[in-house]
Amino acid sequence: MAHEISDRLVSRPKVEGLPLIGLAILILGSLLLAGYAQWQKAQQPETQVVGQLERRALLFSDGSDGSVWVTDAQSGQRLASIEGEAGFARGVLRSLAQARMRAGGSPAEPFWLSVNTQGGLTLADPVSGRQIELTSFGPSNLAVFASYLERREPVAKSSAHEAIGQEPTPR
């Protein structure tokens, strides 16, 4: 009797013939499809080039009153400071500043704030090559940086345009 129980526990269904071939084709097809998808991804350019509508070089520095001073790097004009807690703005700037320091850059070099033709607002550090797409963080966080742009001529409506209080021009 013990022998009968052990035979039932050990016996397994056999997969052979057409079901085995079908499983092999399914697994091989999945691997080939995943490999092809990775190959296609490698063939595409890393970043899509998008035209810029506006670009401004900005310097950020710690103010004596605890605020973050913002200066136009080209004209030297001091712009509105980032005051108070401003967690989002401080976090973005800290992240870019740390990447810059790791790349061996200097705080005297400007960051670039730009609006692209698709309405996206980007803060970029040319020293480290790091870019932060600010549009993805919502309109209230976007408005903190959008206020530093001078030109007010959008191409298409987007959250960047809404944050700076603009209406798009019709195409």
C-alpha atoms as a PDB file:
ATOM      1  CA  MET A   1       0.000   0.000   0.000  1.00  0.00           C
ATOM      2  CA  ALA A   2       2.815   2.427   0.820  1.00  0.00           C
ATOM      3  CA  HIS A   3       4.278   1.566  -2.538  1.00  0.00           C
ATOM      4  CA  GLU A   4       1.038   2.566  -4.353  1.00  0.00           C
ATOM      5  CA  ILE A   5       0.932   5.981  -2.632  1.00  0.00           C
ATOM      6  CA  SER A   6       4.558   6.758  -3.442  1.00  0.00           C
ATOM      7  CA  ASP A   7       3.992   5.827  -7.122  1.00  0.00           C
ATOM      8  CA  ARG A   8       1.060   8.234  -7.371  1.00  0.00           C
ATOM      9  CA  LEU A   9       3.049  11.066  -5.791  1.00  0.00           C
ATOM     10  CA  VAL A  10       6.030  10.541  -8.055  1.00  0.00           C
ATOM     11  CA  SER A  11       4.177  10.103 -11.319  1.00  0.00           C
ATOM     12  CA  ARG A  12       3.908  13.267 -13.394  1.00  0.00           C
ATOM     13  CA  PRO A  13       2.032  13.979 -16.580  1.00  0.00           C
ATOM     14  CA  LYS A  14       4.231  13.616 -19.609  1.00  0.00           C
ATOM     15  CA  VAL A  15       4.456  16.490 -22.059  1.00  0.00           C
ATOM     16  CA  GLU A  16       5.569  15.220 -25.408  1.00  0.00           C
ATOM     17  CA  GLY A  17       4.753  15.542 -29.043  1.00  0.00           C
ATOM     18  CA  LEU A  18       2.763  18.540 -30.248  1.00  0.00           C
ATOM     19  CA  PRO A  19       2.240  20.185 -26.805  1.00  0.00           C
ATOM     20  CA  LEU A  20       6.010  20.158 -26.215  1.00  0.00           C
ATOM     21  CA  ILE A  21       6.702  21.620 -29.644  1.00  0.00           C
ATOM     22  CA  GLY A  22       4.011  24.284 -29.029  1.00  0.00           C
ATOM     23  CA  LEU A  23       5.603  25.272 -25.706  1.00  0.00           C
ATOM     24  CA  ALA A  24       9.049  25.460 -27.282  1.00  0.00           C
ATOM     25  CA  ILE A  25       7.740  27.691 -30.104  1.00  0.00           C
ATOM     26  CA  LEU A  26       5.947  29.930 -27.590  1.00  0.00           C
ATOM     27  CA  ILE A  27       9.068  30.371 -25.432  1.00  0.00           C
ATOM     28  CA  LEU A  28      11.343  30.912 -28.434  1.00  0.00           C
ATOM     29  CA  GLY A  29       8.873  33.406 -29.950  1.00  0.00           C
ATOM     30  CA  SER A  30       8.728  35.359 -26.685  1.00  0.00           C
ATOM     31  CA  LEU A  31      12.519  35.546 -26.496  1.00  0.00           C
ATOM     32  CA  LEU A  32      12.796  36.657 -30.120  1.00  0.00           C
ATOM     33  CA  LEU A  33      10.121  39.313 -29.652  1.00  0.00           C
ATOM     34  CA  ALA A  34      11.809  40.677 -26.517  1.00  0.00           C
ATOM     35  CA  GLY A  35      15.169  40.736 -28.302  1.00  0.00           C
ATOM     36  CA  TYR A  36      13.684  42.541 -31.302  1.00  0.00           C
ATOM     37  CA  ALA A  37      12.067  45.146 -29.037  1.00  0.00           C
ATOM     38  CA  GLN A  38      15.409  45.814 -27.326  1.00  0.00           C
ATOM     39  CA  TRP A  39      17.149  46.067 -30.681  1.00  0.00           C
ATOM     40  CA  GLN A  40      14.546  48.588 -31.922  1.00  0.00           C
ATOM     41  CA  LYS A  41      14.964  50.609 -28.737  1.00  0.00           C
ATOM     42  CA  ALA A  42      18.742  50.708 -29.226  1.00  0.00           C
ATOM     43  CA  GLN A  43      18.309  51.942 -32.826  1.00  0.00           C
ATOM     44  CA  GLN A  44      16.274  55.004 -31.788  1.00  0.00           C
ATOM     45  CA  PRO A  45      18.013  58.220 -30.752  1.00  0.00           C
ATOM     46  CA  GLU A  46      18.367  58.593 -26.990  1.00  0.00           C
ATOM     47  CA  THR A  47      16.543  61.901 -26.793  1.00  0.00           C
ATOM     48  CA  GLN A  48      14.175  63.513 -29.198  1.00  0.00           C
ATOM     49  CA  VAL A  49      15.332  66.917 -30.358  1.00  0.00           C
ATOM     50  CA  VAL A  50      12.627  69.501 -29.846  1.00  0.00           C
ATOM     51  CA  GLY A  51      12.917  73.126 -30.909  1.00  0.00           C
ATOM     52  CA  GLN A  52      13.059  75.821 -28.255  1.00  0.00           C
ATOM     53  CA  LEU A  53      10.791  78.835 -28.144  1.00  0.00           C
ATOM     54  CA  GLU A  54      12.584  80.587 -25.343  1.00  0.00           C
ATOM     55  CA  ARG A  55      15.736  80.029 -23.349  1.00  0.00           C
ATOM     56  CA  ARG A  56      17.208  81.922 -20.428  1.00  0.00           C
ATOM     57  CA  ALA A  57      20.477  81.456 -18.550  1.00  0.00           C
ATOM     58  CA  LEU A  58      19.970  81.666 -14.787  1.00  0.00           C
ATOM     59  CA  LEU A  59      22.309  81.665 -11.816  1.00  0.00           C
ATOM     60  CA  PHE A  60      21.049  80.470  -8.433  1.00  0.00           C
ATOM     61  CA  SER A  61      22.747  81.324  -5.146  1.00  0.00           C
ATOM     62  CA  ASP A  62      21.920  81.217  -1.445  1.00  0.00           C
ATOM     63  CA  GLY A  63      20.783  84.561  -0.116  1.00  0.00           C
ATOM     64  CA  SER A  64      21.775  85.928   3.278  1.00  0.00           C
ATOM     65  CA  ASP A  65      18.116  85.834   4.340  1.00  0.00           C
ATOM     66  CA  GLY A  66      17.741  82.094   3.585  1.00  0.00           C
ATOM     67  CA  SER A  67      16.108  82.615   0.212  1.00  0.00           C
ATOM     68  CA  VAL A  68      17.492  81.504  -3.138  1.00  0.00           C
ATOM     69  CA  TRP A  69      18.623  84.438  -5.263  1.00  0.00           C
ATOM     70  CA  VAL A  70      17.943  84.132  -8.969  1.00  0.00           C
ATOM     71  CA  THR A  71      20.016  86.184 -11.415  1.00  0.00           C
ATOM     72  CA  ASP A  72      19.838  86.474 -15.195  1.00  0.00           C
ATOM     73  CA  ALA A  73      23.312  85.273 -16.227  1.00  0.00           C
ATOM     74  CA  GLN A  74      23.440  87.373 -19.390  1.00  0.00           C
ATOM     75  CA  SER A  75      22.291  90.749 -18.056  1.00  0.00           C
ATOM     76  CA  GLY A  76      23.263  90.328 -14.399  1.00  0.00           C
ATOM     77  CA  GLN A  77      19.773  91.481 -13.404  1.00  0.00           C
ATOM     78  CA  ARG A  78      18.546  90.047 -10.129  1.00  0.00           C
ATOM     79  CA  LEU A  79      15.135  88.437 -10.510  1.00  0.00           C
ATOM     80  CA  ALA A  80      12.538  87.517  -7.907  1.00  0.00           C
ATOM     81  CA  SER A  81      13.990  85.324  -5.158  1.00  0.00           C
ATOM     82  CA  ILE A  82      12.656  81.915  -4.230  1.00  0.00           C
ATOM     83  CA  GLU A  83      11.536  82.500  -0.674  1.00  0.00           C
ATOM     84  CA  GLY A  84      10.115  80.379   2.093  1.00  0.00           C
ATOM     85  CA  GLU A  85      10.229  76.627   2.190  1.00  0.00           C
ATOM     86  CA  ALA A  86       9.769  76.138  -1.587  1.00  0.00           C
ATOM     87  CA  GLY A  87      10.540  72.431  -1.255  1.00  0.00           C
ATOM     88  CA  PHE A  88      10.109  71.591  -4.920  1.00  0.00           C
ATOM     89  CA  ALA A  89      12.336  74.386  -6.232  1.00  0.00           C
ATOM     90  CA  ARG A  90      15.016  73.759  -3.619  1.00  0.00           C
ATOM     91  CA  GLY A  91      14.934  70.016  -4.320  1.00  0.00           C
ATOM     92  CA  VAL A  92      15.336  70.506  -8.071  1.00  0.00           C
ATOM     93  CA  LEU A  93      18.171  72.992  -7.621  1.00  0.00           C
ATOM     94  CA  ARG A  94      19.924  70.821  -5.023  1.00  0.00           C
ATOM     95  CA  SER A  95      19.736  67.819  -7.341  1.00  0.00           C
ATOM     96  CA  LEU A  96      21.227  69.748 -10.263  1.00  0.00           C
ATOM     97  CA  ALA A  97      23.905  71.377  -8.075  1.00  0.00           C
ATOM     98  CA  GLN A  98      25.016  68.006  -6.689  1.00  0.00           C
ATOM     99  CA  ALA A  99      25.256  66.512 -10.188  1.00  0.00           C
ATOM    100  CA  ARG A 100      27.274  69.546 -11.268  1.00  0.00           C
ATOM    101  CA  MET A 101      29.695  69.202  -8.347  1.00  0.00           C
ATOM    102  CA  ARG A 102      30.201  65.506  -9.153  1.00  0.00           C
ATOM    103  CA  ALA A 103      30.976  66.529 -12.748  1.00  0.00           C
ATOM    104  CA  GLY A 104      33.566  69.025 -11.484  1.00  0.00           C
ATOM    105  CA  GLY A 105      31.587  72.132 -12.416  1.00  0.00           C
ATOM    106  CA  SER A 106      31.441  75.527 -10.775  1.00  0.00           C
ATOM    107  CA  PRO A 107      28.413  77.317  -9.272  1.00  0.00           C
ATOM    108  CA  ALA A 108      29.378  80.345 -11.405  1.00  0.00           C
ATOM    109  CA  GLU A 109      28.145  78.639 -14.579  1.00  0.00           C
ATOM    110  CA  PRO A 110      24.463  79.199 -15.457  1.00  0.00           C
ATOM    111  CA  PHE A 111      21.620  76.734 -15.684  1.00  0.00           C
ATOM    112  CA  TRP A 112      19.344  76.979 -18.714  1.00  0.00           C
ATOM    113  CA  LEU A 113      15.573  77.328 -18.387  1.00  0.00           C
ATOM    114  CA  SER A 114      13.775  76.732 -21.675  1.00  0.00           C
ATOM    115  CA  VAL A 115      10.327  76.245 -23.174  1.00  0.00           C
ATOM    116  CA  ASN A 116      10.236  73.924 -26.164  1.00  0.00           C
ATOM    117  CA  THR A 117       7.880  73.924 -29.146  1.00  0.00           C
ATOM    118  CA  GLN A 118       5.747  71.262 -27.492  1.00  0.00           C
ATOM    119  CA  GLY A 119       5.219  73.467 -24.445  1.00  0.00           C
ATOM    120  CA  GLY A 120       7.538  71.600 -22.090  1.00  0.00           C
ATOM    121  CA  LEU A 121       9.566  73.572 -19.552  1.00  0.00           C
ATOM    122  CA  THR A 122      13.067  72.237 -18.872  1.00  0.00           C
ATOM    123  CA  LEU A 123      15.796  73.243 -16.439  1.00  0.00           C
ATOM    124  CA  ALA A 124      19.133  72.002 -17.750  1.00  0.00           C
ATOM    125  CA  ASP A 125      22.700  71.981 -16.514  1.00  0.00           C
ATOM    126  CA  PRO A 126      25.108  72.085 -19.466  1.00  0.00           C
ATOM    127  CA  VAL A 127      28.026  71.125 -17.195  1.00  0.00           C
ATOM    128  CA  SER A 128      26.661  67.781 -15.992  1.00  0.00           C
ATOM    129  CA  GLY A 129      24.335  67.240 -18.964  1.00  0.00           C
ATOM    130  CA  ARG A 130      21.423  66.681 -16.588  1.00  0.00           C
ATOM    131  CA  GLN A 131      17.955  67.975 -17.510  1.00  0.00           C
ATOM    132  CA  ILE A 132      14.776  68.087 -15.477  1.00  0.00           C
ATOM    133  CA  GLU A 133      11.482  68.257 -17.335  1.00  0.00           C
ATOM    134  CA  LEU A 134       9.540  70.550 -14.999  1.00  0.00           C
ATOM    135  CA  THR A 135       6.234  70.169 -16.849  1.00  0.00           C
ATOM    136  CA  SER A 136       5.762  66.681 -15.400  1.00  0.00           C
ATOM    137  CA  PHE A 137       5.581  67.993 -11.814  1.00  0.00           C
ATOM    138  CA  GLY A 138       2.257  69.804 -12.190  1.00  0.00           C
ATOM    139  CA  PRO A 139       1.197  73.413 -12.708  1.00  0.00           C
ATOM    140  CA  SER A 140       1.929  74.767  -9.217  1.00  0.00           C
ATOM    141  CA  ASN A 141       5.516  73.479  -9.239  1.00  0.00           C
ATOM    142  CA  LEU A 142       5.930  74.518 -12.863  1.00  0.00           C
ATOM    143  CA  ALA A 143       4.854  78.083 -12.088  1.00  0.00           C
ATOM    144  CA  VAL A 144       7.827  78.564  -9.730  1.00  0.00           C
ATOM    145  CA  PHE A 145      10.265  78.367 -12.652  1.00  0.00           C
ATOM    146  CA  ALA A 146       7.964  79.580 -15.457  1.00  0.00           C
ATOM    147  CA  SER A 147       7.900  83.025 -13.872  1.00  0.00           C
ATOM    148  CA  TYR A 148      11.561  83.535 -14.846  1.00  0.00           C
ATOM    149  CA  LEU A 149      10.901  83.483 -18.574  1.00  0.00           C
ATOM    150  CA  GLU A 150      10.790  86.764 -20.490  1.00  0.00           C
ATOM    151  CA  ARG A 151       9.147  86.003 -23.820  1.00  0.00           C
ATOM    152  CA  ARG A 152       5.437  85.288 -23.780  1.00  0.00           C
ATOM    153  CA  GLU A 153       4.681  83.847 -27.237  1.00  0.00           C
ATOM    154  CA  PRO A 154       3.669  80.176 -27.001  1.00  0.00           C
ATOM    155  CA  VAL A 155       3.178  77.930 -29.994  1.00  0.00           C
ATOM    156  CA  ALA A 156       0.726  75.392 -28.558  1.00  0.00           C
ATOM    157  CA  LYS A 157      -1.301  75.214 -25.367  1.00  0.00           C
ATOM    158  CA  SER A 158       0.335  73.194 -22.634  1.00  0.00           C
ATOM    159  CA  SER A 159       0.720  73.177 -18.896  1.00  0.00           C
ATOM    160  CA  ALA A 160       3.833  75.359 -19.278  1.00  0.00           C
ATOM    161  CA  HIS A 161       1.760  77.991 -21.049  1.00  0.00           C
ATOM    162  CA  GLU A 162      -0.986  77.761 -18.460  1.00  0.00           C
ATOM    163  CA  ALA A 163       1.525  78.205 -15.639  1.00  0.00           C
ATOM    164  CA  ILE A 164       2.808  81.460 -17.076  1.00  0.00           C
ATOM    165  CA  GLY A 165      -0.712  82.694 -17.844  1.00  0.00           C
ATOM    166  CA  GLN A 166      -0.559  82.622 -21.608  1.00  0.00           C
ATOM    167  CA  GLU A 167      -2.952  81.606 -24.309  1.00  0.00           C
ATOM    168  CA  PRO A 168      -1.468  79.797 -27.273  1.00  0.00           C
ATOM    169  CA  THR A 169      -1.379  81.344 -30.693  1.00  0.00           C
ATOM    170  CA  PRO A 170      -3.478  79.368 -33.212  1.00  0.00           C
ATOM    171  CA  ARG A 171      -1.612  77.249 -35.754  1.00  0.00           C
END
